[in-house]
Amino acid sequence: MAHGGIAIALLDEAMAHAAGFAGYRGLTARVTARFRRPVPLGAPLRIEGRVAWVRRNALGLEASVCDADGNVLLEGEGSFISGGRIEESAQ
């Protein structure tokens, strides 16, 4: 089974990718996690993240880790501090 810190890193990474896909750069400010089942090692996982809200320079994100059968193993929420949209910071 994966160590809890490694499992939370999966959530954090999914949230960071969701923010980037939505066009935001950011840094993690807070992550909370709910462990539903052990996260197995050496087994396929489905990891998803999404932006739940955006306010000024803050993003709210959600993420989950599921097994190959779709069972939720771990889910969480986080907030990121954003430096703005990627297009804006490139100028």
N, C-alpha and C. Protein backbone atom coordinates (compact mmCIF):
# COMPACT_ATOMS: atom_id res chain seq x y z
N MET A 1 0.84 -1.18 0.00
CA MET A 1 0.00 0.00 0.00
C MET A 1 0.88 1.24 0.00
N ALA A 2 0.40 2.26 -0.65
CA ALA A 2 1.15 3.51 -0.75
C ALA A 2 1.12 4.26 0.58
N HIS A 3 2.21 4.89 0.92
CA HIS A 3 2.30 5.76 2.09
C HIS A 3 1.32 6.91 1.91
N GLY A 4 0.72 7.38 2.99
CA GLY A 4 -0.25 8.47 2.91
C GLY A 4 0.29 9.73 2.27
N GLY A 5 1.55 10.05 2.53
CA GLY A 5 2.14 11.25 1.93
C GLY A 5 2.26 11.14 0.42
N ILE A 6 2.56 9.94 -0.05
CA ILE A 6 2.63 9.70 -1.50
C ILE A 6 1.24 9.83 -2.10
N ALA A 7 0.25 9.28 -1.44
CA ALA A 7 -1.13 9.36 -1.93
C ALA A 7 -1.59 10.82 -2.01
N ILE A 8 -1.26 11.62 -1.01
CA ILE A 8 -1.64 13.03 -1.03
C ILE A 8 -0.90 13.76 -2.14
N ALA A 9 0.34 13.37 -2.42
CA ALA A 9 1.09 13.97 -3.53
C ALA A 9 0.37 13.73 -4.86
N LEU A 10 -0.28 12.57 -5.01
CA LEU A 10 -1.07 12.31 -6.22
C LEU A 10 -2.21 13.31 -6.35
N LEU A 11 -2.90 13.59 -5.24
CA LEU A 11 -3.97 14.59 -5.26
C LEU A 11 -3.43 15.96 -5.62
N ASP A 12 -2.35 16.36 -4.98
CA ASP A 12 -1.75 17.67 -5.21
C ASP A 12 -1.34 17.82 -6.68
N GLU A 13 -0.76 16.78 -7.24
CA GLU A 13 -0.32 16.82 -8.64
C GLU A 13 -1.53 16.90 -9.58
N ALA A 14 -2.60 16.17 -9.27
CA ALA A 14 -3.81 16.23 -10.10
C ALA A 14 -4.40 17.63 -10.07
N MET A 15 -4.39 18.27 -8.90
CA MET A 15 -4.92 19.63 -8.79
C MET A 15 -4.04 20.61 -9.56
N ALA A 16 -2.73 20.45 -9.48
CA ALA A 16 -1.82 21.33 -10.20
C ALA A 16 -2.03 21.20 -11.71
N HIS A 17 -2.22 19.97 -12.18
CA HIS A 17 -2.47 19.77 -13.61
C HIS A 17 -3.81 20.37 -14.02
N ALA A 18 -4.82 20.25 -13.18
CA ALA A 18 -6.13 20.84 -13.49
C ALA A 18 -6.02 22.36 -13.59
N ALA A 19 -5.28 22.96 -12.67
CA ALA A 19 -5.08 24.42 -12.71
C ALA A 19 -4.35 24.81 -14.00
N GLY A 20 -3.29 24.09 -14.33
CA GLY A 20 -2.54 24.37 -15.55
C GLY A 20 -3.37 24.19 -16.80
N PHE A 21 -4.17 23.13 -16.85
CA PHE A 21 -5.03 22.88 -18.00
C PHE A 21 -6.04 24.00 -18.17
N ALA A 22 -6.50 24.59 -17.04
CA ALA A 22 -7.45 25.71 -17.09
C ALA A 22 -6.74 27.03 -17.38
N GLY A 23 -5.41 27.00 -17.46
CA GLY A 23 -4.66 28.20 -17.83
C GLY A 23 -4.09 28.98 -16.67
N TYR A 24 -4.00 28.38 -15.49
CA TYR A 24 -3.49 29.08 -14.32
C TYR A 24 -2.18 28.50 -13.83
N ARG A 25 -1.30 29.37 -13.38
CA ARG A 25 -0.11 28.96 -12.65
C ARG A 25 -0.42 29.17 -11.17
N GLY A 26 0.13 28.33 -10.32
CA GLY A 26 -0.18 28.52 -8.92
C GLY A 26 0.69 27.68 -8.01
N LEU A 27 0.57 27.97 -6.74
CA LEU A 27 1.28 27.25 -5.70
C LEU A 27 0.26 26.74 -4.70
N THR A 28 0.49 25.55 -4.19
CA THR A 28 -0.43 24.96 -3.23
C THR A 28 -0.42 25.75 -1.93
N ALA A 29 -1.61 26.13 -1.49
CA ALA A 29 -1.76 26.81 -0.19
C ALA A 29 -2.27 25.85 0.87
N ARG A 30 -3.16 24.93 0.45
CA ARG A 30 -3.77 24.01 1.41
C ARG A 30 -4.28 22.78 0.66
N VAL A 31 -4.14 21.63 1.27
CA VAL A 31 -4.71 20.39 0.74
C VAL A 31 -5.31 19.60 1.90
N THR A 32 -6.54 19.15 1.74
CA THR A 32 -7.15 18.25 2.71
C THR A 32 -7.50 16.96 1.98
N ALA A 33 -7.40 15.85 2.66
CA ALA A 33 -7.64 14.55 2.03
C ALA A 33 -8.52 13.68 2.90
N ARG A 34 -9.31 12.86 2.23
CA ARG A 34 -10.13 11.86 2.90
C ARG A 34 -9.73 10.50 2.32
N PHE A 35 -9.20 9.67 3.16
CA PHE A 35 -8.80 8.33 2.75
C PHE A 35 -10.01 7.41 2.88
N ARG A 36 -10.40 6.80 1.76
CA ARG A 36 -11.56 5.91 1.74
C ARG A 36 -11.13 4.44 1.80
N ARG A 37 -10.06 4.12 1.07
CA ARG A 37 -9.53 2.75 1.01
C ARG A 37 -8.02 2.86 0.81
N PRO A 38 -7.28 1.81 1.11
CA PRO A 38 -5.83 1.84 0.85
C PRO A 38 -5.54 2.01 -0.64
N VAL A 39 -4.46 2.74 -0.95
CA VAL A 39 -4.03 2.93 -2.33
C VAL A 39 -2.98 1.86 -2.63
N PRO A 40 -3.31 0.92 -3.54
CA PRO A 40 -2.39 -0.18 -3.82
C PRO A 40 -1.20 0.27 -4.67
N LEU A 41 -0.10 -0.42 -4.50
CA LEU A 41 1.08 -0.21 -5.34
C LEU A 41 1.03 -1.22 -6.48
N GLY A 42 1.53 -0.84 -7.65
CA GLY A 42 1.61 -1.76 -8.77
C GLY A 42 0.28 -2.08 -9.42
N ALA A 43 -0.73 -1.27 -9.18
CA ALA A 43 -2.04 -1.48 -9.78
C ALA A 43 -2.46 -0.22 -10.53
N PRO A 44 -3.24 -0.34 -11.60
CA PRO A 44 -3.69 0.84 -12.34
C PRO A 44 -4.57 1.73 -11.45
N LEU A 45 -4.39 3.03 -11.60
CA LEU A 45 -5.19 4.02 -10.87
C LEU A 45 -5.73 5.05 -11.85
N ARG A 46 -6.87 5.61 -11.53
CA ARG A 46 -7.40 6.75 -12.29
C ARG A 46 -7.34 7.96 -11.36
N ILE A 47 -6.64 9.00 -11.79
CA ILE A 47 -6.43 10.19 -10.98
C ILE A 47 -7.03 11.36 -11.73
N GLU A 48 -7.95 12.08 -11.09
CA GLU A 48 -8.64 13.19 -11.73
C GLU A 48 -8.57 14.43 -10.85
N GLY A 49 -8.50 15.58 -11.49
CA GLY A 49 -8.54 16.85 -10.78
C GLY A 49 -9.38 17.84 -11.56
N ARG A 50 -9.95 18.81 -10.85
CA ARG A 50 -10.74 19.85 -11.52
C ARG A 50 -10.72 21.14 -10.72
N VAL A 51 -10.88 22.23 -11.43
CA VAL A 51 -10.99 23.54 -10.79
C VAL A 51 -12.44 23.71 -10.37
N ALA A 52 -12.67 23.94 -9.10
CA ALA A 52 -14.03 24.11 -8.57
C ALA A 52 -14.46 25.58 -8.57
N TRP A 53 -13.52 26.47 -8.32
CA TRP A 53 -13.83 27.91 -8.32
C TRP A 53 -12.56 28.74 -8.48
N VAL A 54 -12.75 29.99 -8.90
CA VAL A 54 -11.65 30.95 -9.04
C VAL A 54 -12.12 32.26 -8.44
N ARG A 55 -11.32 32.83 -7.56
CA ARG A 55 -11.61 34.14 -6.95
C ARG A 55 -10.32 34.93 -6.88
N ARG A 56 -10.29 36.05 -7.57
CA ARG A 56 -9.09 36.90 -7.62
C ARG A 56 -7.86 36.07 -7.89
N ASN A 57 -6.98 35.95 -6.90
CA ASN A 57 -5.73 35.20 -7.10
C ASN A 57 -5.74 33.84 -6.41
N ALA A 58 -6.93 33.29 -6.16
CA ALA A 58 -7.04 31.99 -5.50
C ALA A 58 -7.88 31.04 -6.35
N LEU A 59 -7.50 29.77 -6.31
CA LEU A 59 -8.23 28.72 -7.00
C LEU A 59 -8.64 27.66 -5.99
N GLY A 60 -9.85 27.16 -6.11
CA GLY A 60 -10.29 26.01 -5.34
C GLY A 60 -10.28 24.81 -6.26
N LEU A 61 -9.69 23.72 -5.81
CA LEU A 61 -9.56 22.54 -6.65
C LEU A 61 -10.04 21.30 -5.91
N GLU A 62 -10.42 20.29 -6.69
CA GLU A 62 -10.83 19.00 -6.14
C GLU A 62 -10.11 17.91 -6.92
N ALA A 63 -9.84 16.79 -6.28
CA ALA A 63 -9.18 15.68 -6.96
C ALA A 63 -9.58 14.37 -6.30
N SER A 64 -9.41 13.29 -7.08
CA SER A 64 -9.70 11.96 -6.55
C SER A 64 -8.75 10.95 -7.16
N VAL A 65 -8.56 9.87 -6.42
CA VAL A 65 -7.78 8.72 -6.88
C VAL A 65 -8.72 7.52 -6.77
N CYS A 66 -8.90 6.82 -7.91
CA CYS A 66 -9.78 5.66 -7.95
C CYS A 66 -9.01 4.45 -8.45
N ASP A 67 -9.50 3.27 -8.11
CA ASP A 67 -8.89 2.06 -8.64
C ASP A 67 -9.48 1.77 -10.03
N ALA A 68 -9.02 0.71 -10.66
CA ALA A 68 -9.45 0.38 -12.02
C ALA A 68 -10.95 0.08 -12.11
N ASP A 69 -11.56 -0.29 -10.99
CA ASP A 69 -13.00 -0.57 -10.97
C ASP A 69 -13.84 0.68 -10.68
N GLY A 70 -13.17 1.83 -10.47
CA GLY A 70 -13.88 3.07 -10.20
C GLY A 70 -14.16 3.33 -8.73
N ASN A 71 -13.65 2.50 -7.84
CA ASN A 71 -13.82 2.73 -6.41
C ASN A 71 -12.94 3.89 -5.96
N VAL A 72 -13.53 4.84 -5.26
CA VAL A 72 -12.78 5.99 -4.76
C VAL A 72 -11.89 5.53 -3.61
N LEU A 73 -10.60 5.75 -3.76
CA LEU A 73 -9.63 5.38 -2.73
C LEU A 73 -9.29 6.58 -1.86
N LEU A 74 -9.25 7.73 -2.49
CA LEU A 74 -8.79 8.95 -1.83
C LEU A 74 -9.41 10.12 -2.56
N GLU A 75 -9.88 11.11 -1.82
CA GLU A 75 -10.40 12.33 -2.45
C GLU A 75 -9.99 13.52 -1.61
N GLY A 76 -9.92 14.66 -2.25
CA GLY A 76 -9.47 15.82 -1.50
C GLY A 76 -9.83 17.12 -2.17
N GLU A 77 -9.57 18.17 -1.43
CA GLU A 77 -9.80 19.54 -1.88
C GLU A 77 -8.55 20.34 -1.58
N GLY A 78 -8.36 21.39 -2.32
CA GLY A 78 -7.20 22.23 -2.06
C GLY A 78 -7.43 23.64 -2.55
N SER A 79 -6.58 24.52 -2.10
CA SER A 79 -6.59 25.89 -2.62
C SER A 79 -5.18 26.22 -3.07
N PHE A 80 -5.11 26.91 -4.18
CA PHE A 80 -3.85 27.35 -4.76
C PHE A 80 -3.87 28.86 -4.83
N ILE A 81 -2.73 29.46 -4.64
CA ILE A 81 -2.56 30.89 -4.87
C ILE A 81 -2.02 31.02 -6.29
N SER A 82 -2.72 31.81 -7.09
CA SER A 82 -2.37 31.92 -8.51
C SER A 82 -1.65 33.22 -8.80
N GLY A 83 -0.66 33.13 -9.68
CA GLY A 83 0.02 34.31 -10.19
C GLY A 83 -0.66 34.86 -11.41
N GLY A 84 -1.82 34.32 -11.75
CA GLY A 84 -2.59 34.77 -12.91
C GLY A 84 -2.65 33.69 -13.96
N ARG A 85 -3.34 34.02 -15.02
CA ARG A 85 -3.47 33.08 -16.12
C ARG A 85 -2.16 32.98 -16.86
N ILE A 86 -1.88 31.84 -17.42
CA ILE A 86 -0.60 31.59 -18.10
C ILE A 86 -0.39 32.58 -19.24
N GLU A 87 -1.46 32.89 -20.02
CA GLU A 87 -1.30 33.83 -21.13
C GLU A 87 -0.89 35.22 -20.65
N GLU A 88 -1.45 35.66 -19.49
CA GLU A 88 -1.15 36.98 -18.95
C GLU A 88 0.30 37.07 -18.48
N SER A 89 0.81 36.02 -17.86
CA SER A 89 2.16 36.08 -17.32
C SER A 89 3.22 35.94 -18.40
N ALA A 90 2.85 35.51 -19.60
CA ALA A 90 3.80 35.38 -20.70
C ALA A 90 4.08 36.72 -21.38
N GLN A 91 3.26 37.73 -21.10
CA GLN A 91 3.44 39.04 -21.74
C GLN A 91 4.49 39.86 -21.06
